[in-house]
Amino acid sequence: QVQLVESGGGLVQAGGSLRLSCTGSGRTFGSYSMGWFRQAPGKERELVATTWSSSSAYYADSVKGRFTISRDNAKNTVYLQMNSLKPGDTAVYYCAAARSDWRNPYYWGQGTQVTVSS
C-alpha cells in the first residue's frame, strides 16, 4: 500500500521554474517506479516523466531537456524539477507509482495545479 501526496504547484511566468514534490508512505515505496502525469481540461492525460533509477528515466518529448525527475527513497519522495516553463505546461500534475507498465499505475496522488502565464 502506497499513498501519494503532491505539493509545489502554483502560478509562474513563462521561463520560470517550479519543483513538484510527491511524498509517499508505505514500506515498499522503493520497489515502485515513480512518475508524473499531467492533464489539462479537455486534453488526454499525458505521461510526463518516470524514474526507477538514473539510468532508466523517461521523459516525454515535450519536456525533455527542461524537466528532471529524481527520487530520494530514504525520504519517500519523488521530485519533478520544471525549468523553462511554457504556457503549454499548464495542467494538473499527478504523481503515480507503477511497477513496470505505465499504462496502468497502481497508485495516484490527488494532483497539483501548475499554471504558466505568458
Protein backbone atom coordinates (compact mmCIF):
# COMPACT_ATOMS: atom_id res chain seq x y z
CA GLN A 1 0.00 0.00 0.00
CA VAL A 2 1.39 3.37 -1.11
CA GLN A 3 -0.27 6.73 -0.55
CA LEU A 4 0.98 9.71 -2.55
CA VAL A 5 0.58 13.44 -1.88
CA GLU A 6 1.80 16.13 -4.28
CA SER A 7 2.88 19.66 -3.47
CA GLY A 8 4.73 22.54 -5.10
CA GLY A 9 2.31 23.64 -7.79
CA GLY A 10 1.48 27.27 -8.40
CA LEU A 11 1.44 30.16 -10.82
CA VAL A 12 4.64 31.17 -12.60
CA GLN A 13 5.59 33.26 -15.59
CA ALA A 14 6.88 31.68 -18.77
CA GLY A 15 10.54 30.88 -18.41
CA GLY A 16 10.25 30.33 -14.69
CA SER A 17 10.74 27.22 -12.61
CA LEU A 18 8.86 25.08 -10.15
CA ARG A 19 9.75 21.96 -8.23
CA LEU A 20 6.99 19.49 -7.57
CA SER A 21 7.28 17.04 -4.71
CA CYS A 22 5.44 13.81 -4.13
CA THR A 23 5.68 12.18 -0.73
CA GLY A 24 4.68 8.60 -0.29
CA SER A 25 4.02 6.23 2.54
CA GLY A 26 4.48 2.51 2.70
CA ARG A 27 7.28 0.09 3.28
CA THR A 28 7.51 -0.81 -0.39
CA PHE A 29 7.91 2.74 -1.73
CA GLY A 30 11.37 1.97 -3.04
CA SER A 31 10.14 -1.02 -5.00
CA TYR A 32 7.98 1.11 -7.32
CA SER A 33 8.82 3.06 -10.38
CA MET A 34 7.62 6.63 -9.84
CA GLY A 35 6.35 9.08 -12.38
CA TRP A 36 4.41 12.20 -13.18
CA PHE A 37 1.37 12.64 -15.39
CA ARG A 38 -0.35 15.84 -16.36
CA GLN A 39 -3.78 16.68 -17.68
CA ALA A 40 -5.30 19.89 -18.94
CA PRO A 41 -9.08 20.37 -19.28
CA GLY A 42 -10.35 18.68 -22.41
CA LYS A 43 -7.00 17.03 -23.03
CA GLU A 44 -5.83 13.47 -22.68
CA ARG A 45 -3.75 12.58 -19.67
CA GLU A 46 -0.09 12.64 -20.63
CA LEU A 47 2.82 10.76 -19.12
CA VAL A 48 5.50 13.36 -18.41
CA ALA A 49 8.36 11.51 -16.76
CA THR A 50 9.19 8.30 -14.92
CA THR A 51 12.12 7.02 -12.93
CA TRP A 52 13.33 3.81 -11.43
CA SER A 53 16.98 4.77 -11.47
CA SER A 54 19.06 7.45 -13.10
CA SER A 55 19.77 5.10 -15.97
CA SER A 56 16.10 4.37 -16.63
CA ALA A 57 14.50 7.82 -16.54
CA TYR A 58 11.94 8.60 -19.22
CA TYR A 59 10.76 11.99 -20.45
CA ALA A 60 8.06 12.98 -22.86
CA ASP A 61 9.44 14.78 -25.88
CA SER A 62 7.53 17.90 -24.89
CA VAL A 63 9.51 18.28 -21.65
CA LYS A 64 12.84 16.68 -22.49
CA GLY A 65 15.72 18.95 -21.62
CA ARG A 66 13.55 21.14 -19.38
CA PHE A 67 12.22 18.80 -16.69
CA THR A 68 14.18 16.49 -14.42
CA ILE A 69 12.73 13.69 -12.34
CA SER A 70 14.54 12.40 -9.28
CA ARG A 71 13.78 10.41 -6.18
CA ASP A 72 15.01 10.06 -2.64
CA ASN A 73 13.85 6.72 -1.33
CA ALA A 74 15.10 7.48 2.18
CA LYS A 75 12.61 10.37 2.28
CA ASN A 76 9.90 8.52 0.35
CA THR A 77 9.86 11.41 -2.09
CA VAL A 78 9.97 11.91 -5.83
CA TYR A 79 10.57 15.31 -7.40
CA LEU A 80 9.90 16.96 -10.72
CA GLN A 81 12.13 19.94 -11.35
CA MET A 82 10.46 22.05 -14.04
CA ASN A 83 12.59 24.68 -15.75
CA SER A 84 11.98 26.97 -18.71
CA LEU A 85 8.26 26.60 -18.22
CA LYS A 86 5.92 27.33 -21.11
CA PRO A 87 2.20 28.15 -21.16
CA GLY A 88 1.66 24.72 -22.73
CA ASP A 89 2.88 23.15 -19.49
CA THR A 90 -0.24 24.39 -17.71
CA ALA A 91 -2.06 21.38 -16.30
CA VAL A 92 -2.84 19.43 -13.19
CA TYR A 93 0.17 17.28 -12.41
CA TYR A 94 -0.30 13.88 -10.82
CA CYS A 95 2.24 11.72 -9.10
CA ALA A 96 1.89 7.99 -9.71
CA ALA A 97 3.52 4.71 -8.81
CA ALA A 98 3.87 1.72 -11.09
CA ARG A 99 5.81 -1.49 -11.32
CA SER A 100 6.69 -1.69 -14.99
CA ASP A 101 3.60 -0.83 -17.04
CA TRP A 102 2.93 2.90 -17.15
CA ARG A 103 -0.36 2.32 -18.89
CA ASN A 104 -1.75 1.10 -15.57
CA PRO A 105 -0.21 2.66 -12.46
CA TYR A 106 -1.04 1.17 -9.08
CA TYR A 107 -1.33 4.40 -7.10
CA TRP A 108 -2.14 8.05 -7.75
CA GLY A 109 -1.78 11.32 -5.91
CA GLN A 110 -4.55 13.92 -5.78
CA GLY A 111 -2.88 16.31 -8.21
CA THR A 112 -1.39 19.78 -8.00
CA GLN A 113 -2.16 22.68 -10.34
CA VAL A 114 0.61 24.25 -12.39
CA THR A 115 -0.24 27.42 -14.30
CA VAL A 116 2.24 29.17 -16.56
CA SER A 117 1.37 32.67 -17.72
CA SER A 118 2.58 34.30 -20.92
